[in-house]
C-alpha cells in the first residue's frame, strides 16, 4: 500500500484473497488422473458409459 496507495493496495489484497479462495476450491474438488504412459489419453476417456 505504501508504493501503490491505499485504494490500489486494498484492491490487490482483495484480488489475492479471491484467487486464494478459488485455488482452495479447485484443490477440494480436483479429480486426479494418473497417466500410465507419457502422452497417453486419460483412462476415463476410454471407459464407455453404461447405456
Protein backbone atom coordinates (compact mmCIF):
# COMPACT_ATOMS: atom_id res chain seq x y z
CA UNK A 1 0.00 0.00 0.00
CA UNK A 2 2.97 2.29 0.58
CA UNK A 3 4.01 2.12 -3.09
CA UNK A 4 0.64 1.96 -4.88
CA UNK A 5 -1.68 3.74 -2.46
CA UNK A 6 -4.33 2.54 -0.05
CA UNK A 7 -7.12 2.03 -2.59
CA UNK A 8 -4.99 0.11 -5.10
CA UNK A 9 -3.36 -1.88 -2.29
CA UNK A 10 -6.78 -2.89 -0.96
CA UNK A 11 -7.88 -3.96 -4.46
CA UNK A 12 -4.73 -6.06 -4.89
CA UNK A 13 -5.22 -7.67 -1.47
CA UNK A 14 -8.86 -8.43 -2.35
CA UNK A 15 -7.84 -9.95 -5.68
CA UNK A 16 -5.23 -12.14 -3.99
CA UNK A 17 -7.77 -13.31 -1.40
CA UNK A 18 -10.25 -14.20 -4.16
CA UNK A 19 -7.56 -16.12 -6.05
CA UNK A 20 -6.62 -17.99 -2.88
CA UNK A 21 -10.26 -18.97 -2.30
CA UNK A 22 -10.54 -20.17 -5.90
CA UNK A 23 -7.36 -22.25 -5.64
CA UNK A 24 -8.60 -23.84 -2.40
CA UNK A 25 -11.93 -24.68 -4.07
CA UNK A 26 -10.11 -26.26 -7.01
CA UNK A 27 -7.98 -28.32 -4.62
CA UNK A 28 -11.10 -29.57 -2.81
CA UNK A 29 -12.93 -30.56 -6.00
CA UNK A 30 -9.92 -31.75 -8.02
CA UNK A 31 -10.05 -35.17 -9.66
CA UNK A 32 -6.68 -36.82 -10.09
CA UNK A 33 -5.97 -38.59 -13.37
CA UNK A 34 -2.82 -40.70 -13.47
CA UNK A 35 -1.37 -41.26 -16.92
CA UNK A 36 0.25 -44.67 -17.20
CA UNK A 37 2.22 -43.92 -20.36
CA UNK A 38 3.50 -40.38 -21.09
CA UNK A 39 1.26 -38.73 -23.67
CA UNK A 40 -1.46 -41.37 -23.33
CA UNK A 41 -5.08 -40.25 -23.13
CA UNK A 42 -6.57 -40.36 -19.61
CA UNK A 43 -8.24 -43.68 -18.81
CA UNK A 44 -11.66 -42.11 -18.16
CA UNK A 45 -11.91 -41.17 -21.85
CA UNK A 46 -11.76 -44.85 -22.85
CA UNK A 47 -14.39 -46.11 -20.42
CA UNK A 48 -17.80 -46.43 -22.05
CA UNK A 49 -20.74 -45.22 -20.06
CA UNK A 50 -23.47 -47.82 -19.38
CA UNK A 51 -26.48 -47.42 -21.65
